């Protein structure tokens, strides 16, 4: 099931934001006009991924607290495949962003 979480205008290119879906804090990213969603909590020490450095060339986000890196399109770390965060499917409907939730 997909639920509306934001308007496209809320998330300009190169920006990130957080939304809450089903009790989970989710980081939304607009990278080069593509939208990605990951659990906002870094598994290392709970850092907020939405506040991290986004590398648009590699589609990665770096946790601002301790530097752990995750791919925005998969949630898996390119450094250590055992380190990952939950990825959410994003769908654009008209001028709205929707996330898939269980």
PDB file of N, CA and C in Angstrom:
ATOM      1  N   UNK A   1       0.838  -1.163   0.000  1.00  0.00           N
ATOM      2  CA  UNK A   1       0.000   0.000   0.000  1.00  0.00           C
ATOM      3  C   UNK A   1       0.893   1.239   0.000  1.00  0.00           C
ATOM      4  N   UNK A   2       0.578   2.224  -0.814  1.00  0.00           N
ATOM      5  CA  UNK A   2       1.314   3.476  -0.873  1.00  0.00           C
ATOM      6  C   UNK A   2       0.534   4.556  -0.128  1.00  0.00           C
ATOM      7  N   UNK A   3       1.265   5.402   0.611  1.00  0.00           N
ATOM      8  CA  UNK A   3       0.647   6.514   1.327  1.00  0.00           C
ATOM      9  C   UNK A   3       1.341   7.812   0.930  1.00  0.00           C
ATOM     10  N   UNK A   4       0.553   8.881   0.849  1.00  0.00           N
ATOM     11  CA  UNK A   4       1.096  10.194   0.517  1.00  0.00           C
ATOM     12  C   UNK A   4       1.919  10.697   1.691  1.00  0.00           C
ATOM     13  N   UNK A   5       3.140  11.216   1.381  1.00  0.00           N
ATOM     14  CA  UNK A   5       3.994  11.725   2.446  1.00  0.00           C
ATOM     15  C   UNK A   5       4.414  13.179   2.239  1.00  0.00           C
ATOM     16  N   UNK A   6       4.343  13.664   0.994  1.00  0.00           N
ATOM     17  CA  UNK A   6       4.774  15.039   0.735  1.00  0.00           C
ATOM     18  C   UNK A   6       4.336  15.471  -0.651  1.00  0.00           C
ATOM     19  N   UNK A   7       4.450  16.755  -0.895  1.00  0.00           N
ATOM     20  CA  UNK A   7       4.254  17.314  -2.239  1.00  0.00           C
ATOM     21  C   UNK A   7       5.631  17.430  -2.888  1.00  0.00           C
ATOM     22  N   UNK A   8       5.679  17.330  -4.221  1.00  0.00           N
ATOM     23  CA  UNK A   8       6.950  17.462  -4.930  1.00  0.00           C
ATOM     24  C   UNK A   8       7.627  18.785  -4.587  1.00  0.00           C
ATOM     25  N   UNK A   9       6.848  19.838  -4.447  1.00  0.00           N
ATOM     26  CA  UNK A   9       7.395  21.161  -4.143  1.00  0.00           C
ATOM     27  C   UNK A   9       8.077  21.212  -2.775  1.00  0.00           C
ATOM     28  N   UNK A  10       7.769  20.255  -1.891  1.00  0.00           N
ATOM     29  CA  UNK A  10       8.376  20.221  -0.561  1.00  0.00           C
ATOM     30  C   UNK A  10       9.825  19.732  -0.599  1.00  0.00           C
ATOM     31  N   UNK A  11      10.214  19.095  -1.715  1.00  0.00           N
ATOM     32  CA  UNK A  11      11.530  18.457  -1.781  1.00  0.00           C
ATOM     33  C   UNK A  11      12.241  18.816  -3.089  1.00  0.00           C
ATOM     34  N   UNK A  12      12.835  20.021  -3.150  1.00  0.00           N
ATOM     35  CA  UNK A  12      13.544  20.445  -4.367  1.00  0.00           C
ATOM     36  C   UNK A  12      14.769  19.570  -4.637  1.00  0.00           C
ATOM     37  N   UNK A  13      15.245  19.582  -5.864  1.00  0.00           N
ATOM     38  CA  UNK A  13      16.435  18.814  -6.258  1.00  0.00           C
ATOM     39  C   UNK A  13      17.612  19.173  -5.352  1.00  0.00           C
ATOM     40  N   UNK A  14      18.332  18.138  -4.922  1.00  0.00           N
ATOM     41  CA  UNK A  14      19.489  18.329  -4.069  1.00  0.00           C
ATOM     42  C   UNK A  14      19.171  18.435  -2.593  1.00  0.00           C
ATOM     43  N   UNK A  15      17.897  18.318  -2.229  1.00  0.00           N
ATOM     44  CA  UNK A  15      17.479  18.467  -0.829  1.00  0.00           C
ATOM     45  C   UNK A  15      17.049  17.122  -0.240  1.00  0.00           C
ATOM     46  N   UNK A  16      16.921  17.111   1.075  1.00  0.00           N
ATOM     47  CA  UNK A  16      16.385  15.950   1.787  1.00  0.00           C
ATOM     48  C   UNK A  16      15.420  16.447   2.847  1.00  0.00           C
ATOM     49  N   UNK A  17      14.586  15.529   3.327  1.00  0.00           N
ATOM     50  CA  UNK A  17      13.633  15.859   4.381  1.00  0.00           C
ATOM     51  C   UNK A  17      13.271  14.568   5.106  1.00  0.00           C
ATOM     52  N   UNK A  18      12.615  14.709   6.249  1.00  0.00           N
ATOM     53  CA  UNK A  18      12.141  13.531   6.964  1.00  0.00           C
ATOM     54  C   UNK A  18      10.624  13.542   7.034  1.00  0.00           C
ATOM     55  N   UNK A  19      10.064  12.339   7.017  1.00  0.00           N
ATOM     56  CA  UNK A  19       8.634  12.145   7.204  1.00  0.00           C
ATOM     57  C   UNK A  19       8.465  10.941   8.123  1.00  0.00           C
ATOM     58  N   UNK A  20       7.309  10.854   8.739  1.00  0.00           N
ATOM     59  CA  UNK A  20       7.021   9.690   9.569  1.00  0.00           C
ATOM     60  C   UNK A  20       5.969   8.844   8.880  1.00  0.00           C
ATOM     61  N   UNK A  21       6.273   7.559   8.752  1.00  0.00           N
ATOM     62  CA  UNK A  21       5.358   6.618   8.103  1.00  0.00           C
ATOM     63  C   UNK A  21       5.216   5.399   8.998  1.00  0.00           C
ATOM     64  N   UNK A  22       4.013   5.183   9.492  1.00  0.00           N
ATOM     65  CA  UNK A  22       3.767   4.008  10.338  1.00  0.00           C
ATOM     66  C   UNK A  22       4.682   3.933  11.539  1.00  0.00           C
ATOM     67  N   UNK A  23       5.019   5.079  12.129  1.00  0.00           N
ATOM     68  CA  UNK A  23       5.878   5.093  13.299  1.00  0.00           C
ATOM     69  C   UNK A  23       7.364   5.052  12.987  1.00  0.00           C
ATOM     70  N   UNK A  24       7.736   5.038  11.715  1.00  0.00           N
ATOM     71  CA  UNK A  24       9.133   5.008  11.298  1.00  0.00           C
ATOM     72  C   UNK A  24       9.521   6.355  10.707  1.00  0.00           C
ATOM     73  N   UNK A  25      10.654   6.877  11.151  1.00  0.00           N
ATOM     74  CA  UNK A  25      11.175   8.123  10.594  1.00  0.00           C
ATOM     75  C   UNK A  25      11.935   7.784   9.309  1.00  0.00           C
ATOM     76  N   UNK A  26      11.506   8.395   8.209  1.00  0.00           N
ATOM     77  CA  UNK A  26      12.047   8.073   6.885  1.00  0.00           C
ATOM     78  C   UNK A  26      12.723   9.318   6.304  1.00  0.00           C
ATOM     79  N   UNK A  27      13.922   9.115   5.749  1.00  0.00           N
ATOM     80  CA  UNK A  27      14.645  10.179   5.055  1.00  0.00           C
ATOM     81  C   UNK A  27      14.282  10.118   3.581  1.00  0.00           C
ATOM     82  N   UNK A  28      13.815  11.247   3.042  1.00  0.00           N
ATOM     83  CA  UNK A  28      13.521  11.352   1.607  1.00  0.00           C
ATOM     84  C   UNK A  28      14.606  12.194   0.962  1.00  0.00           C
ATOM     85  N   UNK A  29      15.061  11.758  -0.213  1.00  0.00           N
ATOM     86  CA  UNK A  29      16.099  12.458  -0.956  1.00  0.00           C
ATOM     87  C   UNK A  29      15.633  12.715  -2.369  1.00  0.00           C
ATOM     88  N   UNK A  30      15.948  13.899  -2.896  1.00  0.00           N
ATOM     89  CA  UNK A  30      15.731  14.226  -4.304  1.00  0.00           C
ATOM     90  C   UNK A  30      17.119  14.383  -4.903  1.00  0.00           C
ATOM     91  N   UNK A  31      17.549  13.369  -5.646  1.00  0.00           N
ATOM     92  CA  UNK A  31      18.879  13.374  -6.251  1.00  0.00           C
ATOM     93  C   UNK A  31      18.712  13.379  -7.760  1.00  0.00           C
ATOM     94  N   UNK A  32      19.092  14.488  -8.357  1.00  0.00           N
ATOM     95  CA  UNK A  32      18.992  14.635  -9.819  1.00  0.00           C
ATOM     96  C   UNK A  32      17.573  14.386 -10.321  1.00  0.00           C
ATOM     97  N   UNK A  33      16.571  14.798  -9.539  1.00  0.00           N
ATOM     98  CA  UNK A  33      15.183  14.639  -9.948  1.00  0.00           C
ATOM     99  C   UNK A  33      14.592  13.266  -9.688  1.00  0.00           C
ATOM    100  N   UNK A  34      15.361  12.362  -9.098  1.00  0.00           N
ATOM    101  CA  UNK A  34      14.877  11.036  -8.706  1.00  0.00           C
ATOM    102  C   UNK A  34      14.698  11.033  -7.194  1.00  0.00           C
ATOM    103  N   UNK A  35      13.669  10.340  -6.733  1.00  0.00           N
ATOM    104  CA  UNK A  35      13.347  10.334  -5.307  1.00  0.00           C
ATOM    105  C   UNK A  35      13.687   8.986  -4.686  1.00  0.00           C
ATOM    106  N   UNK A  36      14.294   9.054  -3.504  1.00  0.00           N
ATOM    107  CA  UNK A  36      14.714   7.865  -2.769  1.00  0.00           C
ATOM    108  C   UNK A  36      14.279   8.013  -1.318  1.00  0.00           C
ATOM    109  N   UNK A  37      14.048   6.878  -0.661  1.00  0.00           N
ATOM    110  CA  UNK A  37      13.625   6.902   0.736  1.00  0.00           C
ATOM    111  C   UNK A  37      14.315   5.778   1.507  1.00  0.00           C
ATOM    112  N   UNK A  38      14.912   6.156   2.636  1.00  0.00           N
ATOM    113  CA  UNK A  38      15.595   5.209   3.517  1.00  0.00           C
ATOM    114  C   UNK A  38      15.146   5.452   4.948  1.00  0.00           C
ATOM    115  N   UNK A  39      15.245   4.413   5.770  1.00  0.00           N
ATOM    116  CA  UNK A  39      15.053   4.621   7.197  1.00  0.00           C
ATOM    117  C   UNK A  39      16.047   5.699   7.614  1.00  0.00           C
ATOM    118  N   UNK A  40      15.601   6.691   8.349  1.00  0.00           N
ATOM    119  CA  UNK A  40      16.432   7.842   8.693  1.00  0.00           C
ATOM    120  C   UNK A  40      17.488   7.543   9.745  1.00  0.00           C
ATOM    121  N   UNK A  41      17.404   6.394  10.412  1.00  0.00           N
ATOM    122  CA  UNK A  41      18.284   6.093  11.540  1.00  0.00           C
ATOM    123  C   UNK A  41      19.455   5.219  11.093  1.00  0.00           C
ATOM    124  N   UNK A  42      20.667   5.764  11.207  1.00  0.00           N
ATOM    125  CA  UNK A  42      21.868   4.992  10.892  1.00  0.00           C
ATOM    126  C   UNK A  42      21.997   3.843  11.895  1.00  0.00           C
ATOM    127  N   UNK A  43      22.289   2.617  11.413  1.00  0.00           N
ATOM    128  CA  UNK A  43      22.369   1.479  12.328  1.00  0.00           C
ATOM    129  C   UNK A  43      23.594   1.523  13.244  1.00  0.00           C
ATOM    130  N   UNK A  44      24.555   2.370  12.950  1.00  0.00           N
ATOM    131  CA  UNK A  44      25.754   2.429  13.786  1.00  0.00           C
ATOM    132  C   UNK A  44      25.467   3.025  15.161  1.00  0.00           C
ATOM    133  N   UNK A  45      25.011   4.307  15.168  1.00  0.00           N
ATOM    134  CA  UNK A  45      24.737   4.951  16.451  1.00  0.00           C
ATOM    135  C   UNK A  45      23.502   5.828  16.403  1.00  0.00           C
ATOM    136  N   UNK A  46      22.639   5.600  15.397  1.00  0.00           N
ATOM    137  CA  UNK A  46      21.368   6.310  15.351  1.00  0.00           C
ATOM    138  C   UNK A  46      21.402   7.687  14.731  1.00  0.00           C
ATOM    139  N   UNK A  47      22.460   8.008  13.992  1.00  0.00           N
ATOM    140  CA  UNK A  47      22.565   9.316  13.354  1.00  0.00           C
ATOM    141  C   UNK A  47      21.457   9.549  12.332  1.00  0.00           C
ATOM    142  N   UNK A  48      21.083  10.820  12.113  1.00  0.00           N
ATOM    143  CA  UNK A  48      20.005  11.153  11.173  1.00  0.00           C
ATOM    144  C   UNK A  48      20.525  11.231   9.731  1.00  0.00           C
ATOM    145  N   UNK A  49      20.242  10.225   8.932  1.00  0.00           N
ATOM    146  CA  UNK A  49      20.749  10.186   7.563  1.00  0.00           C
ATOM    147  C   UNK A  49      20.260  11.359   6.720  1.00  0.00           C
ATOM    148  N   UNK A  50      19.074  11.877   7.030  1.00  0.00           N
ATOM    149  CA  UNK A  50      18.542  13.000   6.252  1.00  0.00           C
ATOM    150  C   UNK A  50      19.412  14.245   6.374  1.00  0.00           C
ATOM    151  N   UNK A  51      20.256  14.302   7.395  1.00  0.00           N
ATOM    152  CA  UNK A  51      21.138  15.443   7.597  1.00  0.00           C
ATOM    153  C   UNK A  51      22.548  15.188   7.071  1.00  0.00           C
ATOM    154  N   UNK A  52      22.745  14.021   6.438  1.00  0.00           N
ATOM    155  CA  UNK A  52      24.068  13.640   5.973  1.00  0.00           C
ATOM    156  C   UNK A  52      24.432  14.237   4.622  1.00  0.00           C
ATOM    157  N   UNK A  53      25.691  14.040   4.235  1.00  0.00           N
ATOM    158  CA  UNK A  53      26.199  14.506   2.948  1.00  0.00           C
ATOM    159  C   UNK A  53      25.750  13.542   1.852  1.00  0.00           C
ATOM    160  N   UNK A  54      25.096  14.082   0.827  1.00  0.00           N
ATOM    161  CA  UNK A  54      24.632  13.273  -0.301  1.00  0.00           C
ATOM    162  C   UNK A  54      25.592  13.464  -1.465  1.00  0.00           C
ATOM    163  N   UNK A  55      26.073  12.352  -2.012  1.00  0.00           N
ATOM    164  CA  UNK A  55      26.932  12.374  -3.198  1.00  0.00           C
ATOM    165  C   UNK A  55      26.074  11.955  -4.383  1.00  0.00           C
ATOM    166  N   UNK A  56      25.675  12.913  -5.234  1.00  0.00           N
ATOM    167  CA  UNK A  56      24.774  12.583  -6.340  1.00  0.00           C
ATOM    168  C   UNK A  56      25.405  11.696  -7.399  1.00  0.00           C
ATOM    169  N   UNK A  57      26.718  11.707  -7.521  1.00  0.00           N
ATOM    170  CA  UNK A  57      27.374  10.855  -8.531  1.00  0.00           C
ATOM    171  C   UNK A  57      27.283   9.388  -8.164  1.00  0.00           C
ATOM    172  N   UNK A  58      27.408   9.094  -6.881  1.00  0.00           N
ATOM    173  CA  UNK A  58      27.399   7.708  -6.418  1.00  0.00           C
ATOM    174  C   UNK A  58      26.080   7.291  -5.791  1.00  0.00           C
ATOM    175  N   UNK A  59      25.118   8.207  -5.740  1.00  0.00           N
ATOM    176  CA  UNK A  59      23.820   7.947  -5.097  1.00  0.00           C
ATOM    177  C   UNK A  59      23.983   7.464  -3.661  1.00  0.00           C
ATOM    178  N   UNK A  60      24.869   8.138  -2.923  1.00  0.00           N
ATOM    179  CA  UNK A  60      25.098   7.730  -1.542  1.00  0.00           C
ATOM    180  C   UNK A  60      24.803   8.872  -0.583  1.00  0.00           C
ATOM    181  N   UNK A  61      24.534   8.476   0.668  1.00  0.00           N
ATOM    182  CA  UNK A  61      24.405   9.434   1.766  1.00  0.00           C
ATOM    183  C   UNK A  61      25.367   8.989   2.856  1.00  0.00           C
ATOM    184  N   UNK A  62      26.058   9.974   3.454  1.00  0.00           N
ATOM    185  CA  UNK A  62      27.007   9.706   4.521  1.00  0.00           C
ATOM    186  C   UNK A  62      26.440  10.212   5.831  1.00  0.00           C
ATOM    187  N   UNK A  63      26.351   9.353   6.813  1.00  0.00           N
ATOM    188  CA  UNK A  63      25.819   9.734   8.122  1.00  0.00           C
ATOM    189  C   UNK A  63      26.648  10.886   8.693  1.00  0.00           C
ATOM    190  N   UNK A  64      25.986  11.942   9.181  1.00  0.00           N
ATOM    191  CA  UNK A  64      26.719  13.099   9.684  1.00  0.00           C
ATOM    192  C   UNK A  64      27.450  12.845  11.010  1.00  0.00           C
ATOM    193  N   UNK A  65      27.114  11.776  11.703  1.00  0.00           N
ATOM    194  CA  UNK A  65      27.732  11.552  13.008  1.00  0.00           C
ATOM    195  C   UNK A  65      29.079  10.841  12.915  1.00  0.00           C
ATOM    196  N   UNK A  66      29.129   9.721  12.177  1.00  0.00           N
ATOM    197  CA  UNK A  66      30.360   8.923  12.162  1.00  0.00           C
ATOM    198  C   UNK A  66      30.778   8.479  10.764  1.00  0.00           C
ATOM    199  N   UNK A  67      30.120   9.013   9.735  1.00  0.00           N
ATOM    200  CA  UNK A  67      30.593   8.793   8.376  1.00  0.00           C
ATOM    201  C   UNK A  67      30.186   7.507   7.686  1.00  0.00           C
ATOM    202  N   UNK A  68      29.304   6.721   8.271  1.00  0.00           N
ATOM    203  CA  UNK A  68      28.864   5.517   7.578  1.00  0.00           C
ATOM    204  C   UNK A  68      28.145   5.931   6.296  1.00  0.00           C
ATOM    205  N   UNK A  69      28.343   5.155   5.226  1.00  0.00           N
ATOM    206  CA  UNK A  69      27.814   5.494   3.902  1.00  0.00           C
ATOM    207  C   UNK A  69      26.830   4.426   3.447  1.00  0.00           C
ATOM    208  N   UNK A  70      25.716   4.885   2.843  1.00  0.00           N
ATOM    209  CA  UNK A  70      24.689   3.978   2.322  1.00  0.00           C
ATOM    210  C   UNK A  70      24.253   4.446   0.939  1.00  0.00           C
ATOM    211  N   UNK A  71      23.966   3.499   0.074  1.00  0.00           N
ATOM    212  CA  UNK A  71      23.417   3.836  -1.239  1.00  0.00           C
ATOM    213  C   UNK A  71      21.944   4.185  -1.068  1.00  0.00           C
ATOM    214  N   UNK A  72      21.540   5.295  -1.669  1.00  0.00           N
ATOM    215  CA  UNK A  72      20.152   5.744  -1.548  1.00  0.00           C
ATOM    216  C   UNK A  72      19.191   4.860  -2.326  1.00  0.00           C
ATOM    217  N   UNK A  73      19.678   4.176  -3.350  1.00  0.00           N
ATOM    218  CA  UNK A  73      18.800   3.338  -4.174  1.00  0.00           C
ATOM    219  C   UNK A  73      18.638   1.920  -3.641  1.00  0.00           C
ATOM    220  N   UNK A  74      19.510   1.488  -2.709  1.00  0.00           N
ATOM    221  CA  UNK A  74      19.397   0.135  -2.176  1.00  0.00           C
ATOM    222  C   UNK A  74      19.364   0.071  -0.655  1.00  0.00           C
ATOM    223  N   UNK A  75      19.936   1.093   0.010  1.00  0.00           N
ATOM    224  CA  UNK A  75      20.055   1.077   1.460  1.00  0.00           C
ATOM    225  C   UNK A  75      21.272   0.327   1.957  1.00  0.00           C
ATOM    226  N   UNK A  76      22.063  -0.248   1.050  1.00  0.00           N
ATOM    227  CA  UNK A  76      23.228  -1.055   1.410  1.00  0.00           C
ATOM    228  C   UNK A  76      24.485  -0.196   1.379  1.00  0.00           C
ATOM    229  N   UNK A  77      25.386  -0.440   2.321  1.00  0.00           N
ATOM    230  CA  UNK A  77      26.653   0.282   2.349  1.00  0.00           C
ATOM    231  C   UNK A  77      27.575  -0.237   1.253  1.00  0.00           C
ATOM    232  N   UNK A  78      28.195   0.668   0.467  1.00  0.00           N
ATOM    233  CA  UNK A  78      29.163   0.227  -0.534  1.00  0.00           C
ATOM    234  C   UNK A  78      30.487  -0.186   0.105  1.00  0.00           C
ATOM    235  N   UNK A  79      30.666   0.126   1.378  1.00  0.00           N
ATOM    236  CA  UNK A  79      31.892  -0.208   2.092  1.00  0.00           C
ATOM    237  C   UNK A  79      31.788  -1.585   2.732  1.00  0.00           C
ATOM    238  N   UNK A  80      30.617  -1.888   3.299  1.00  0.00           N
ATOM    239  CA  UNK A  80      30.384  -3.157   3.987  1.00  0.00           C
ATOM    240  C   UNK A  80      28.945  -3.583   3.708  1.00  0.00           C
ATOM    241  N   UNK A  81      28.769  -4.575   2.862  1.00  0.00           N
ATOM    242  CA  UNK A  81      27.431  -5.008   2.443  1.00  0.00           C
ATOM    243  C   UNK A  81      26.579  -5.516   3.603  1.00  0.00           C
ATOM    244  N   UNK A  82      27.190  -5.811   4.731  1.00  0.00           N
ATOM    245  CA  UNK A  82      26.424  -6.253   5.898  1.00  0.00           C
ATOM    246  C   UNK A  82      25.721  -5.071   6.574  1.00  0.00           C
ATOM    247  N   UNK A  83      26.196  -3.871   6.327  1.00  0.00           N
ATOM    248  CA  UNK A  83      25.590  -2.674   6.912  1.00  0.00           C
ATOM    249  C   UNK A  83      24.540  -2.145   5.946  1.00  0.00           C
ATOM    250  N   UNK A  84      23.306  -2.040   6.421  1.00  0.00           N
ATOM    251  CA  UNK A  84      22.232  -1.550   5.553  1.00  0.00           C
ATOM    252  C   UNK A  84      21.117  -0.943   6.378  1.00  0.00           C
ATOM    253  N   UNK A  85      20.324  -0.130   5.679  1.00  0.00           N
ATOM    254  CA  UNK A  85      19.129   0.454   6.265  1.00  0.00           C
ATOM    255  C   UNK A  85      17.951   0.102   5.368  1.00  0.00           C
ATOM    256  N   UNK A  86      16.766   0.111   5.943  1.00  0.00           N
ATOM    257  CA  UNK A  86      15.568  -0.219   5.166  1.00  0.00           C
ATOM    258  C   UNK A  86      15.342   0.817   4.077  1.00  0.00           C
ATOM    259  N   UNK A  87      15.051   0.343   2.880  1.00  0.00           N
ATOM    260  CA  UNK A  87      14.735   1.185   1.731  1.00  0.00           C
ATOM    261  C   UNK A  87      13.230   1.113   1.510  1.00  0.00           C
ATOM    262  N   UNK A  88      12.634   2.238   1.136  1.00  0.00           N
ATOM    263  CA  UNK A  88      11.209   2.300   0.844  1.00  0.00           C
ATOM    264  C   UNK A  88      11.021   2.652  -0.625  1.00  0.00           C
ATOM    265  N   UNK A  89      10.036   2.031  -1.262  1.00  0.00           N
ATOM    266  CA  UNK A  89       9.704   2.372  -2.642  1.00  0.00           C
ATOM    267  C   UNK A  89       9.005   3.725  -2.658  1.00  0.00           C
ATOM    268  N   UNK A  90       9.378   4.556  -3.616  1.00  0.00           N
ATOM    269  CA  UNK A  90       8.794   5.883  -3.773  1.00  0.00           C
ATOM    270  C   UNK A  90       8.061   5.930  -5.102  1.00  0.00           C
ATOM    271  N   UNK A  91       6.859   6.496  -5.076  1.00  0.00           N
ATOM    272  CA  UNK A  91       6.074   6.659  -6.299  1.00  0.00           C
ATOM    273  C   UNK A  91       5.615   8.107  -6.381  1.00  0.00           C
ATOM    274  N   UNK A  92       5.748   8.688  -7.579  1.00  0.00           N
ATOM    275  CA  UNK A  92       5.263  10.041  -7.824  1.00  0.00           C
ATOM    276  C   UNK A  92       3.887   9.931  -8.473  1.00  0.00           C
ATOM    277  N   UNK A  93       2.919  10.582  -7.864  1.00  0.00           N
ATOM    278  CA  UNK A  93       1.557  10.630  -8.415  1.00  0.00           C
ATOM    279  C   UNK A  93       1.154  12.089  -8.518  1.00  0.00           C
ATOM    280  N   UNK A  94       1.118  12.589  -9.745  1.00  0.00           N
ATOM    281  CA  UNK A  94       0.797  14.003  -9.942  1.00  0.00           C
ATOM    282  C   UNK A  94       1.872  14.852  -9.304  1.00  0.00           C
ATOM    283  N   UNK A  95       1.493  15.666  -8.324  1.00  0.00           N
ATOM    284  CA  UNK A  95       2.467  16.524  -7.631  1.00  0.00           C
ATOM    285  C   UNK A  95       2.744  16.023  -6.216  1.00  0.00           C
ATOM    286  N   UNK A  96       2.520  14.718  -5.986  1.00  0.00           N
ATOM    287  CA  UNK A  96       2.678  14.137  -4.650  1.00  0.00           C
ATOM    288  C   UNK A  96       3.696  13.002  -4.649  1.00  0.00           C
ATOM    289  N   UNK A  97       4.358  12.833  -3.502  1.00  0.00           N
ATOM    290  CA  UNK A  97       5.247  11.704  -3.270  1.00  0.00           C
ATOM    291  C   UNK A  97       4.542  10.699  -2.363  1.00  0.00           C
ATOM    292  N   UNK A  98       4.606   9.442  -2.750  1.00  0.00           N
ATOM    293  CA  UNK A  98       3.994   8.366  -1.981  1.00  0.00           C
ATOM    294  C   UNK A  98       5.052   7.324  -1.645  1.00  0.00           C
ATOM    295  N   UNK A  99       4.974   6.763  -0.438  1.00  0.00           N
ATOM    296  CA  UNK A  99       5.880   5.694  -0.014  1.00  0.00           C
ATOM    297  C   UNK A  99       5.084   4.423   0.185  1.00  0.00           C
ATOM    298  N   UNK A 100       5.743   3.304  -0.141  1.00  0.00           N
ATOM    299  CA  UNK A 100       5.107   2.003   0.084  1.00  0.00           C
ATOM    300  C   UNK A 100       5.352   1.592   1.533  1.00  0.00           C
ATOM    301  N   UNK A 101       4.272   1.216   2.195  1.00  0.00           N
ATOM    302  CA  UNK A 101       4.355   0.743   3.581  1.00  0.00           C
ATOM    303  C   UNK A 101       3.645  -0.601   3.673  1.00  0.00           C
ATOM    304  N   UNK A 102       4.072  -1.381   4.677  1.00  0.00           N
ATOM    305  CA  UNK A 102       3.445  -2.706   4.882  1.00  0.00           C
ATOM    306  C   UNK A 102       2.101  -2.574   5.540  1.00  0.00           C
TER     307      UNK A 102
END
